[in-house]
Amino acid sequence: MPTALKLYTPFESLRFRDEVGEEIEGRARKLETRNG
């Protein structure tokens, strides 16, 4: 079994999505503040 697939568990997937979501939210807030 490839290591990449073995590491890609549902828990890791959820954690990765959370981190990406927070990053996108932060960028959106910065854009909103800049646009006033």
PDB file of N, CA and C in Angstrom:
ATOM      1  N   MET A   1       0.847  -1.199   0.000  1.00  0.00           N
ATOM      2  CA  MET A   1       0.000   0.000   0.000  1.00  0.00           C
ATOM      3  C   MET A   1       0.883   1.250   0.000  1.00  0.00           C
ATOM      4  N   PRO A   2       0.686   2.141  -0.954  1.00  0.00           N
ATOM      5  CA  PRO A   2       1.500   3.369  -1.015  1.00  0.00           C
ATOM      6  C   PRO A   2       1.370   4.175   0.271  1.00  0.00           C
ATOM      7  N   THR A   3       2.491   4.777   0.686  1.00  0.00           N
ATOM      8  CA  THR A   3       2.493   5.540   1.932  1.00  0.00           C
ATOM      9  C   THR A   3       1.510   6.698   1.856  1.00  0.00           C
ATOM     10  N   ALA A   4       1.439   7.361   0.711  1.00  0.00           N
ATOM     11  CA  ALA A   4       0.563   8.526   0.573  1.00  0.00           C
ATOM     12  C   ALA A   4      -0.883   8.133   0.880  1.00  0.00           C
ATOM     13  N   LEU A   5      -1.327   7.011   0.328  1.00  0.00           N
ATOM     14  CA  LEU A   5      -2.698   6.581   0.574  1.00  0.00           C
ATOM     15  C   LEU A   5      -2.881   6.193   2.032  1.00  0.00           C
ATOM     16  N   LYS A   6      -1.847   5.546   2.611  1.00  0.00           N
ATOM     17  CA  LYS A   6      -1.952   5.109   3.999  1.00  0.00           C
ATOM     18  C   LYS A   6      -2.093   6.315   4.929  1.00  0.00           C
ATOM     19  N   LEU A   7      -1.402   7.405   4.615  1.00  0.00           N
ATOM     20  CA  LEU A   7      -1.466   8.592   5.462  1.00  0.00           C
ATOM     21  C   LEU A   7      -2.767   9.362   5.252  1.00  0.00           C
ATOM     22  N   TYR A   8      -3.407   9.132   4.111  1.00  0.00           N
ATOM     23  CA  TYR A   8      -4.599   9.918   3.783  1.00  0.00           C
ATOM     24  C   TYR A   8      -5.828   9.274   4.406  1.00  0.00           C
ATOM     25  N   THR A   9      -5.934   9.369   5.732  1.00  0.00           N
ATOM     26  CA  THR A   9      -7.093   8.828   6.435  1.00  0.00           C
ATOM     27  C   THR A   9      -8.183   9.894   6.502  1.00  0.00           C
ATOM     28  N   PRO A  10      -9.420   9.498   6.785  1.00  0.00           N
ATOM     29  CA  PRO A  10     -10.500  10.490   6.904  1.00  0.00           C
ATOM     30  C   PRO A  10     -10.174  11.585   7.909  1.00  0.00           C
ATOM     31  N   PHE A  11      -9.523  11.204   9.024  1.00  0.00           N
ATOM     32  CA  PHE A  11      -9.175  12.204  10.035  1.00  0.00           C
ATOM     33  C   PHE A  11      -8.196  13.209   9.464  1.00  0.00           C
ATOM     34  N   GLU A  12      -7.150  12.733   8.781  1.00  0.00           N
ATOM     35  CA  GLU A  12      -6.170  13.638   8.179  1.00  0.00           C
ATOM     36  C   GLU A  12      -6.856  14.522   7.147  1.00  0.00           C
ATOM     37  N   SER A  13      -7.773  13.952   6.387  1.00  0.00           N
ATOM     38  CA  SER A  13      -8.480  14.728   5.369  1.00  0.00           C
ATOM     39  C   SER A  13      -9.272  15.857   6.013  1.00  0.00           C
ATOM     40  N   LEU A  14      -9.976  15.538   7.104  1.00  0.00           N
ATOM     41  CA  LEU A  14     -10.770  16.564   7.790  1.00  0.00           C
ATOM     42  C   LEU A  14      -9.868  17.651   8.346  1.00  0.00           C
ATOM     43  N   ARG A  15      -8.746  17.249   8.965  1.00  0.00           N
ATOM     44  CA  ARG A  15      -7.845  18.235   9.552  1.00  0.00           C
ATOM     45  C   ARG A  15      -7.277  19.122   8.456  1.00  0.00           C
ATOM     46  N   PHE A  16      -6.913  18.520   7.321  1.00  0.00           N
ATOM     47  CA  PHE A  16      -6.372  19.299   6.211  1.00  0.00           C
ATOM     48  C   PHE A  16      -7.415  20.291   5.705  1.00  0.00           C
ATOM     49  N   ARG A  17      -8.661  19.845   5.572  1.00  0.00           N
ATOM     50  CA  ARG A  17      -9.722  20.745   5.099  1.00  0.00           C
ATOM     51  C   ARG A  17      -9.924  21.894   6.073  1.00  0.00           C
ATOM     52  N   ASP A  18      -9.860  21.601   7.377  1.00  0.00           N
ATOM     53  CA  ASP A  18     -10.023  22.666   8.375  1.00  0.00           C
ATOM     54  C   ASP A  18      -8.923  23.705   8.226  1.00  0.00           C
ATOM     55  N   GLU A  19      -7.669  23.240   8.084  1.00  0.00           N
ATOM     56  CA  GLU A  19      -6.553  24.178   7.967  1.00  0.00           C
ATOM     57  C   GLU A  19      -6.707  25.038   6.719  1.00  0.00           C
ATOM     58  N   VAL A  20      -7.060  24.434   5.595  1.00  0.00           N
ATOM     59  CA  VAL A  20      -7.234  25.186   4.356  1.00  0.00           C
ATOM     60  C   VAL A  20      -8.399  26.164   4.493  1.00  0.00           C
ATOM     61  N   GLY A  21      -9.476  25.717   5.124  1.00  0.00           N
ATOM     62  CA  GLY A  21     -10.631  26.591   5.317  1.00  0.00           C
ATOM     63  C   GLY A  21     -10.276  27.816   6.145  1.00  0.00           C
ATOM     64  N   GLU A  22      -9.507  27.606   7.219  1.00  0.00           N
ATOM     65  CA  GLU A  22      -9.107  28.740   8.058  1.00  0.00           C
ATOM     66  C   GLU A  22      -8.244  29.705   7.264  1.00  0.00           C
ATOM     67  N   GLU A  23      -7.333  29.162   6.443  1.00  0.00           N
ATOM     68  CA  GLU A  23      -6.453  30.024   5.651  1.00  0.00           C
ATOM     69  C   GLU A  23      -7.268  30.852   4.669  1.00  0.00           C
ATOM     70  N   ILE A  24      -8.240  30.226   4.010  1.00  0.00           N
ATOM     71  CA  ILE A  24      -9.075  30.946   3.037  1.00  0.00           C
ATOM     72  C   ILE A  24      -9.911  32.002   3.756  1.00  0.00           C
ATOM     73  N   GLU A  25     -10.438  31.661   4.934  1.00  0.00           N
ATOM     74  CA  GLU A  25     -11.231  32.637   5.695  1.00  0.00           C
ATOM     75  C   GLU A  25     -10.377  33.839   6.069  1.00  0.00           C
ATOM     76  N   GLY A  26      -9.147  33.585   6.497  1.00  0.00           N
ATOM     77  CA  GLY A  26      -8.250  34.679   6.867  1.00  0.00           C
ATOM     78  C   GLY A  26      -7.991  35.592   5.681  1.00  0.00           C
ATOM     79  N   ARG A  27      -7.750  35.009   4.508  1.00  0.00           N
ATOM     80  CA  ARG A  27      -7.503  35.833   3.314  1.00  0.00           C
ATOM     81  C   ARG A  27      -8.746  36.637   2.968  1.00  0.00           C
ATOM     82  N   ALA A  28      -9.913  36.023   3.095  1.00  0.00           N
ATOM     83  CA  ALA A  28     -11.163  36.727   2.777  1.00  0.00           C
ATOM     84  C   ALA A  28     -11.341  37.916   3.712  1.00  0.00           C
ATOM     85  N   ARG A  29     -11.043  37.726   5.001  1.00  0.00           N
ATOM     86  CA  ARG A  29     -11.182  38.829   5.955  1.00  0.00           C
ATOM     87  C   ARG A  29     -10.231  39.958   5.600  1.00  0.00           C
ATOM     88  N   LYS A  30      -8.989  39.604   5.218  1.00  0.00           N
ATOM     89  CA  LYS A  30      -8.021  40.644   4.845  1.00  0.00           C
ATOM     90  C   LYS A  30      -8.539  41.431   3.647  1.00  0.00           C
ATOM     91  N   LEU A  31      -9.114  40.720   2.673  1.00  0.00           N
ATOM     92  CA  LEU A  31      -9.645  41.403   1.488  1.00  0.00           C
ATOM     93  C   LEU A  31     -10.798  42.319   1.884  1.00  0.00           C
ATOM     94  N   GLU A  32     -11.680  41.838   2.752  1.00  0.00           N
ATOM     95  CA  GLU A  32     -12.820  42.662   3.185  1.00  0.00           C
ATOM     96  C   GLU A  32     -12.331  43.920   3.890  1.00  0.00           C
ATOM     97  N   THR A  33     -11.325  43.768   4.757  1.00  0.00           N
ATOM     98  CA  THR A  33     -10.814  44.941   5.478  1.00  0.00           C
ATOM     99  C   THR A  33     -10.190  45.921   4.503  1.00  0.00           C
ATOM    100  N   ARG A  34      -9.460  45.404   3.532  1.00  0.00           N
ATOM    101  CA  ARG A  34      -8.784  46.284   2.577  1.00  0.00           C
ATOM    102  C   ARG A  34      -9.811  47.041   1.744  1.00  0.00           C
ATOM    103  N   ASN A  35     -10.897  46.363   1.365  1.00  0.00           N
ATOM    104  CA  ASN A  35     -11.913  47.016   0.541  1.00  0.00           C
ATOM    105  C   ASN A  35     -12.795  47.945   1.370  1.00  0.00           C
ATOM    106  N   GLY A  36     -12.753  47.807   2.689  1.00  0.00           N
ATOM    107  CA  GLY A  36     -13.524  48.676   3.564  1.00  0.00           C
ATOM    108  C   GLY A  36     -15.006  48.452   3.424  1.00  0.00           C
TER     109      GLY A  36
END
